[in-house]
């Protein structure tokens, strides 16, 4: 899952939300050694979400559709595709409007500027100016996101071409997301309840 899903799955605790958001930027096995408890919990939740997603058989179907062309980047692309379906169908999952949710999340991350990794502080202005979380709802927004990621990869990824695959296989990816995401939501709620 990508930024929008990670933030959504964090619940209402701003520190858990911040930790989950920065999870990809934090290395090391024990985040509790560097961060306060709820930030560390958010980082651990991020890793749990990644593990659950990467090992799920429904997600594997989505990745297998892309793997011949995009190889190991297929998982990254599917993460972004799934954020598209979450954004596009946001009202099925939240009573808060997506633009308001996005604004709240941007503000929360900015309030924790002093503890987030340098890479996040570098990226965040671009994210806010481009309103990534809201623009994931459009195929054009997904194209921009994946094209930006393609520019930052060490090897040729062709991710900038993948929005065409989203359109060509749209109903298949949506069906897989619709089956998978409620399972992930439940998994995260149980994880959060049992990790206090």
C-alpha atoms as a PDB file:
ATOM      1  CA  UNK A   1       0.000   0.000   0.000  1.00  0.00           C
ATOM      2  CA  UNK A   2       1.105   3.563  -0.618  1.00  0.00           C
ATOM      3  CA  UNK A   3       0.876   6.793   1.418  1.00  0.00           C
ATOM      4  CA  UNK A   4      -2.912   7.188   1.463  1.00  0.00           C
ATOM      5  CA  UNK A   5      -3.642   3.683   2.682  1.00  0.00           C
ATOM      6  CA  UNK A   6      -0.901   3.815   5.314  1.00  0.00           C
ATOM      7  CA  UNK A   7      -2.322   7.037   6.714  1.00  0.00           C
ATOM      8  CA  UNK A   8      -5.901   5.756   6.631  1.00  0.00           C
ATOM      9  CA  UNK A   9      -4.998   2.484   8.352  1.00  0.00           C
ATOM     10  CA  UNK A  10      -3.317   4.303  11.250  1.00  0.00           C
ATOM     11  CA  UNK A  11      -6.527   5.274  13.011  1.00  0.00           C
ATOM     12  CA  UNK A  12      -6.889   8.621  14.772  1.00  0.00           C
ATOM     13  CA  UNK A  13      -3.643   8.835  16.760  1.00  0.00           C
ATOM     14  CA  UNK A  14      -1.471  11.553  15.134  1.00  0.00           C
ATOM     15  CA  UNK A  15       1.799  10.010  16.330  1.00  0.00           C
ATOM     16  CA  UNK A  16       0.920   6.537  15.026  1.00  0.00           C
ATOM     17  CA  UNK A  17      -0.097   8.204  11.760  1.00  0.00           C
ATOM     18  CA  UNK A  18       3.251  10.015  11.577  1.00  0.00           C
ATOM     19  CA  UNK A  19       5.209   6.847  12.316  1.00  0.00           C
ATOM     20  CA  UNK A  20       3.294   4.913   9.689  1.00  0.00           C
ATOM     21  CA  UNK A  21       3.871   7.673   7.144  1.00  0.00           C
ATOM     22  CA  UNK A  22       7.650   7.720   7.659  1.00  0.00           C
ATOM     23  CA  UNK A  23       8.002   3.938   7.846  1.00  0.00           C
ATOM     24  CA  UNK A  24       9.780   3.524   4.507  1.00  0.00           C
ATOM     25  CA  UNK A  25      12.362   6.135   5.518  1.00  0.00           C
ATOM     26  CA  UNK A  26      13.339   4.484   8.825  1.00  0.00           C
ATOM     27  CA  UNK A  27      15.934   1.701   8.925  1.00  0.00           C
ATOM     28  CA  UNK A  28      16.743  -0.663  11.766  1.00  0.00           C
ATOM     29  CA  UNK A  29      14.849  -3.407  13.542  1.00  0.00           C
ATOM     30  CA  UNK A  30      13.847  -1.600  16.703  1.00  0.00           C
ATOM     31  CA  UNK A  31      12.350   1.855  16.053  1.00  0.00           C
ATOM     32  CA  UNK A  32      11.632   2.163  19.788  1.00  0.00           C
ATOM     33  CA  UNK A  33      15.331   2.842  20.334  1.00  0.00           C
ATOM     34  CA  UNK A  34      15.093   6.094  18.313  1.00  0.00           C
ATOM     35  CA  UNK A  35      11.483   7.217  18.581  1.00  0.00           C
ATOM     36  CA  UNK A  36       8.858   7.647  21.289  1.00  0.00           C
ATOM     37  CA  UNK A  37       6.376   4.807  21.756  1.00  0.00           C
ATOM     38  CA  UNK A  38       3.519   5.841  19.463  1.00  0.00           C
ATOM     39  CA  UNK A  39       5.831   6.945  16.637  1.00  0.00           C
ATOM     40  CA  UNK A  40       7.603   3.593  16.903  1.00  0.00           C
ATOM     41  CA  UNK A  41       4.234   1.836  16.944  1.00  0.00           C
ATOM     42  CA  UNK A  42       3.323   3.585  13.706  1.00  0.00           C
ATOM     43  CA  UNK A  43       6.596   2.492  12.100  1.00  0.00           C
ATOM     44  CA  UNK A  44       5.939  -1.088  13.204  1.00  0.00           C
ATOM     45  CA  UNK A  45       2.393  -0.871  11.825  1.00  0.00           C
ATOM     46  CA  UNK A  46       3.816   0.294   8.502  1.00  0.00           C
ATOM     47  CA  UNK A  47       6.030  -2.785   8.382  1.00  0.00           C
ATOM     48  CA  UNK A  48       3.103  -5.029   9.324  1.00  0.00           C
ATOM     49  CA  UNK A  49       0.992  -3.551   6.510  1.00  0.00           C
ATOM     50  CA  UNK A  50       3.822  -4.100   4.014  1.00  0.00           C
ATOM     51  CA  UNK A  51       4.306  -7.698   5.146  1.00  0.00           C
ATOM     52  CA  UNK A  52       0.590  -8.496   5.042  1.00  0.00           C
ATOM     53  CA  UNK A  53       0.185  -6.903   1.608  1.00  0.00           C
ATOM     54  CA  UNK A  54       3.302  -8.468   0.096  1.00  0.00           C
ATOM     55  CA  UNK A  55       2.292 -11.987   1.180  1.00  0.00           C
ATOM     56  CA  UNK A  56      -1.424 -11.843   0.327  1.00  0.00           C
ATOM     57  CA  UNK A  57      -2.664 -14.109  -2.471  1.00  0.00           C
ATOM     58  CA  UNK A  58      -5.066 -11.502  -3.911  1.00  0.00           C
ATOM     59  CA  UNK A  59      -2.307  -8.901  -4.162  1.00  0.00           C
ATOM     60  CA  UNK A  60      -0.152 -11.541  -5.839  1.00  0.00           C
ATOM     61  CA  UNK A  61      -2.757 -11.780  -8.617  1.00  0.00           C
ATOM     62  CA  UNK A  62      -2.454  -8.042  -9.228  1.00  0.00           C
ATOM     63  CA  UNK A  63       1.344  -8.167  -9.208  1.00  0.00           C
ATOM     64  CA  UNK A  64       1.483 -11.224 -11.491  1.00  0.00           C
ATOM     65  CA  UNK A  65      -0.481  -9.318 -14.143  1.00  0.00           C
ATOM     66  CA  UNK A  66       2.277  -6.684 -14.235  1.00  0.00           C
ATOM     67  CA  UNK A  67       5.359  -8.788 -13.517  1.00  0.00           C
ATOM     68  CA  UNK A  68       6.279  -9.758 -17.116  1.00  0.00           C
ATOM     69  CA  UNK A  69       6.824  -6.100 -18.029  1.00  0.00           C
ATOM     70  CA  UNK A  70       7.777  -4.450 -14.728  1.00  0.00           C
ATOM     71  CA  UNK A  71       9.509  -7.306 -12.862  1.00  0.00           C
ATOM     72  CA  UNK A  72      10.216  -6.424  -9.214  1.00  0.00           C
ATOM     73  CA  UNK A  73       8.639  -2.989  -9.663  1.00  0.00           C
ATOM     74  CA  UNK A  74       5.238  -4.641 -10.053  1.00  0.00           C
ATOM     75  CA  UNK A  75       4.678  -4.526  -6.289  1.00  0.00           C
ATOM     76  CA  UNK A  76       5.403  -0.793  -6.141  1.00  0.00           C
ATOM     77  CA  UNK A  77       2.977  -0.163  -8.983  1.00  0.00           C
ATOM     78  CA  UNK A  78       0.217  -2.228  -7.383  1.00  0.00           C
ATOM     79  CA  UNK A  79       0.655  -0.265  -4.136  1.00  0.00           C
ATOM     80  CA  UNK A  80      -0.030   2.953  -6.037  1.00  0.00           C
ATOM     81  CA  UNK A  81      -2.912   1.421  -8.009  1.00  0.00           C
ATOM     82  CA  UNK A  82      -4.543   0.360  -4.748  1.00  0.00           C
ATOM     83  CA  UNK A  83      -4.201   3.892  -3.373  1.00  0.00           C
ATOM     84  CA  UNK A  84      -6.088   5.004  -6.485  1.00  0.00           C
ATOM     85  CA  UNK A  85      -9.015   2.745  -5.687  1.00  0.00           C
ATOM     86  CA  UNK A  86      -9.022   3.852  -2.066  1.00  0.00           C
ATOM     87  CA  UNK A  87      -9.062   7.514  -3.114  1.00  0.00           C
ATOM     88  CA  UNK A  88     -11.613   6.938  -5.868  1.00  0.00           C
ATOM     89  CA  UNK A  89     -13.986   5.121  -3.508  1.00  0.00           C
ATOM     90  CA  UNK A  90     -13.038   7.038  -0.356  1.00  0.00           C
ATOM     91  CA  UNK A  91     -16.623   7.563   0.817  1.00  0.00           C
ATOM     92  CA  UNK A  92     -17.011   3.798   1.152  1.00  0.00           C
ATOM     93  CA  UNK A  93     -14.354   3.816   3.868  1.00  0.00           C
ATOM     94  CA  UNK A  94     -14.543   7.167   5.646  1.00  0.00           C
ATOM     95  CA  UNK A  95     -17.165   9.705   6.682  1.00  0.00           C
ATOM     96  CA  UNK A  96     -14.541  12.466   6.398  1.00  0.00           C
ATOM     97  CA  UNK A  97     -14.137  13.964   2.934  1.00  0.00           C
ATOM     98  CA  UNK A  98     -10.835  13.064   1.264  1.00  0.00           C
ATOM     99  CA  UNK A  99      -9.614  16.674   0.818  1.00  0.00           C
ATOM    100  CA  UNK A 100     -10.178  17.299   4.542  1.00  0.00           C
ATOM    101  CA  UNK A 101      -8.432  14.048   5.478  1.00  0.00           C
ATOM    102  CA  UNK A 102      -5.472  14.991   3.279  1.00  0.00           C
ATOM    103  CA  UNK A 103      -5.205  18.478   4.765  1.00  0.00           C
ATOM    104  CA  UNK A 104      -5.283  17.034   8.288  1.00  0.00           C
ATOM    105  CA  UNK A 105      -2.569  14.505   7.436  1.00  0.00           C
ATOM    106  CA  UNK A 106      -0.282  17.092   5.847  1.00  0.00           C
ATOM    107  CA  UNK A 107      -0.659  19.237   8.974  1.00  0.00           C
ATOM    108  CA  UNK A 108       0.097  16.326  11.308  1.00  0.00           C
ATOM    109  CA  UNK A 109       3.307  15.439   9.469  1.00  0.00           C
ATOM    110  CA  UNK A 110       4.407  19.089   9.432  1.00  0.00           C
ATOM    111  CA  UNK A 111       3.853  19.298  13.192  1.00  0.00           C
ATOM    112  CA  UNK A 112       6.353  16.448  13.637  1.00  0.00           C
ATOM    113  CA  UNK A 113       8.973  17.967  11.322  1.00  0.00           C
ATOM    114  CA  UNK A 114      11.670  17.806  13.993  1.00  0.00           C
ATOM    115  CA  UNK A 115      11.590  14.007  14.243  1.00  0.00           C
ATOM    116  CA  UNK A 116      10.830  12.872  10.693  1.00  0.00           C
ATOM    117  CA  UNK A 117      13.707  11.751   8.463  1.00  0.00           C
ATOM    118  CA  UNK A 118      15.319  14.215   6.082  1.00  0.00           C
ATOM    119  CA  UNK A 119      13.871  12.454   3.041  1.00  0.00           C
ATOM    120  CA  UNK A 120      10.331  13.065   4.299  1.00  0.00           C
ATOM    121  CA  UNK A 121      10.967  16.753   4.934  1.00  0.00           C
ATOM    122  CA  UNK A 122      12.378  17.023   1.414  1.00  0.00           C
ATOM    123  CA  UNK A 123       9.402  15.227  -0.176  1.00  0.00           C
ATOM    124  CA  UNK A 124       6.558  16.748   1.826  1.00  0.00           C
ATOM    125  CA  UNK A 125       6.368  20.179   0.126  1.00  0.00           C
ATOM    126  CA  UNK A 126       6.059  18.468  -3.263  1.00  0.00           C
ATOM    127  CA  UNK A 127       3.384  16.183  -1.866  1.00  0.00           C
ATOM    128  CA  UNK A 128       1.377  19.069  -0.422  1.00  0.00           C
ATOM    129  CA  UNK A 129       1.766  21.337  -3.477  1.00  0.00           C
ATOM    130  CA  UNK A 130       0.674  18.513  -5.772  1.00  0.00           C
ATOM    131  CA  UNK A 131      -1.937  17.305  -3.268  1.00  0.00           C
ATOM    132  CA  UNK A 132      -0.916  13.719  -3.978  1.00  0.00           C
ATOM    133  CA  UNK A 133      -3.371  12.132  -1.567  1.00  0.00           C
ATOM    134  CA  UNK A 134      -6.365  13.696  -3.320  1.00  0.00           C
ATOM    135  CA  UNK A 135      -4.997  13.376  -6.845  1.00  0.00           C
ATOM    136  CA  UNK A 136      -4.509   9.626  -6.456  1.00  0.00           C
ATOM    137  CA  UNK A 137      -8.250   9.500  -7.250  1.00  0.00           C
ATOM    138  CA  UNK A 138      -7.572  10.210 -10.943  1.00  0.00           C
ATOM    139  CA  UNK A 139      -5.681   8.106 -13.459  1.00  0.00           C
ATOM    140  CA  UNK A 140      -3.720  11.246 -14.381  1.00  0.00           C
ATOM    141  CA  UNK A 141      -2.719  11.655 -10.728  1.00  0.00           C
ATOM    142  CA  UNK A 142      -1.532   8.053 -10.672  1.00  0.00           C
ATOM    143  CA  UNK A 143       0.413   8.626 -13.878  1.00  0.00           C
ATOM    144  CA  UNK A 144       2.172  11.646 -12.337  1.00  0.00           C
ATOM    145  CA  UNK A 145       2.980   9.714  -9.160  1.00  0.00           C
ATOM    146  CA  UNK A 146       4.431   6.726 -10.998  1.00  0.00           C
ATOM    147  CA  UNK A 147       6.332   8.913 -13.470  1.00  0.00           C
ATOM    148  CA  UNK A 148       7.930  10.732 -10.552  1.00  0.00           C
ATOM    149  CA  UNK A 149       8.887   7.434  -8.950  1.00  0.00           C
ATOM    150  CA  UNK A 150      10.345   6.190 -12.249  1.00  0.00           C
ATOM    151  CA  UNK A 151      12.720   9.162 -12.314  1.00  0.00           C
ATOM    152  CA  UNK A 152      14.057   8.206  -8.886  1.00  0.00           C
ATOM    153  CA  UNK A 153      14.753   4.514  -9.559  1.00  0.00           C
ATOM    154  CA  UNK A 154      18.310   3.329 -10.037  1.00  0.00           C
ATOM    155  CA  UNK A 155      17.349   1.093 -12.952  1.00  0.00           C
ATOM    156  CA  UNK A 156      14.893   1.423 -15.805  1.00  0.00           C
ATOM    157  CA  UNK A 157      11.474   0.612 -14.354  1.00  0.00           C
ATOM    158  CA  UNK A 158       9.013   1.715 -17.070  1.00  0.00           C
ATOM    159  CA  UNK A 159       6.667   2.725 -14.238  1.00  0.00           C
ATOM    160  CA  UNK A 160       5.792   5.851 -16.191  1.00  0.00           C
ATOM    161  CA  UNK A 161       3.978   3.551 -18.651  1.00  0.00           C
ATOM    162  CA  UNK A 162       1.953   1.654 -16.079  1.00  0.00           C
ATOM    163  CA  UNK A 163      -1.111   3.922 -15.952  1.00  0.00           C
ATOM    164  CA  UNK A 164      -1.979   2.424 -19.342  1.00  0.00           C
ATOM    165  CA  UNK A 165      -2.081  -0.988 -17.686  1.00  0.00           C
ATOM    166  CA  UNK A 166      -4.321   0.424 -14.976  1.00  0.00           C
ATOM    167  CA  UNK A 167      -6.776   1.570 -17.614  1.00  0.00           C
ATOM    168  CA  UNK A 168      -6.546  -1.645 -19.641  1.00  0.00           C
ATOM    169  CA  UNK A 169      -7.137  -3.889 -16.612  1.00  0.00           C
ATOM    170  CA  UNK A 170      -9.108  -1.439 -14.504  1.00  0.00           C
ATOM    171  CA  UNK A 171     -11.976  -3.713 -13.501  1.00  0.00           C
ATOM    172  CA  UNK A 172      -9.610  -6.560 -12.595  1.00  0.00           C
ATOM    173  CA  UNK A 173      -7.459  -4.390 -10.333  1.00  0.00           C
ATOM    174  CA  UNK A 174     -10.545  -2.832  -8.742  1.00  0.00           C
ATOM    175  CA  UNK A 175     -12.078  -6.217  -8.023  1.00  0.00           C
ATOM    176  CA  UNK A 176      -8.856  -7.390  -6.380  1.00  0.00           C
ATOM    177  CA  UNK A 177      -8.614  -4.221  -4.311  1.00  0.00           C
ATOM    178  CA  UNK A 178     -12.255  -4.526  -3.221  1.00  0.00           C
ATOM    179  CA  UNK A 179     -11.617  -8.071  -2.013  1.00  0.00           C
ATOM    180  CA  UNK A 180      -8.289  -7.358  -0.351  1.00  0.00           C
ATOM    181  CA  UNK A 181      -8.693  -4.009   1.358  1.00  0.00           C
ATOM    182  CA  UNK A 182     -11.419  -4.927   3.883  1.00  0.00           C
ATOM    183  CA  UNK A 183      -9.216  -7.818   5.014  1.00  0.00           C
ATOM    184  CA  UNK A 184      -6.296  -5.427   5.471  1.00  0.00           C
ATOM    185  CA  UNK A 185      -8.478  -2.974   7.411  1.00  0.00           C
ATOM    186  CA  UNK A 186      -9.546  -5.725   9.809  1.00  0.00           C
ATOM    187  CA  UNK A 187      -5.978  -6.989  10.157  1.00  0.00           C
ATOM    188  CA  UNK A 188      -4.741  -3.503  11.099  1.00  0.00           C
ATOM    189  CA  UNK A 189      -7.541  -2.931  13.607  1.00  0.00           C
ATOM    190  CA  UNK A 190      -6.686  -6.207  15.334  1.00  0.00           C
ATOM    191  CA  UNK A 191      -2.954  -5.441  15.222  1.00  0.00           C
ATOM    192  CA  UNK A 192      -3.485  -2.017  16.790  1.00  0.00           C
ATOM    193  CA  UNK A 193      -5.797  -3.430  19.482  1.00  0.00           C
ATOM    194  CA  UNK A 194      -3.320  -6.167  20.395  1.00  0.00           C
ATOM    195  CA  UNK A 195      -0.137  -4.085  20.368  1.00  0.00           C
ATOM    196  CA  UNK A 196      -0.897  -1.812  23.305  1.00  0.00           C
END
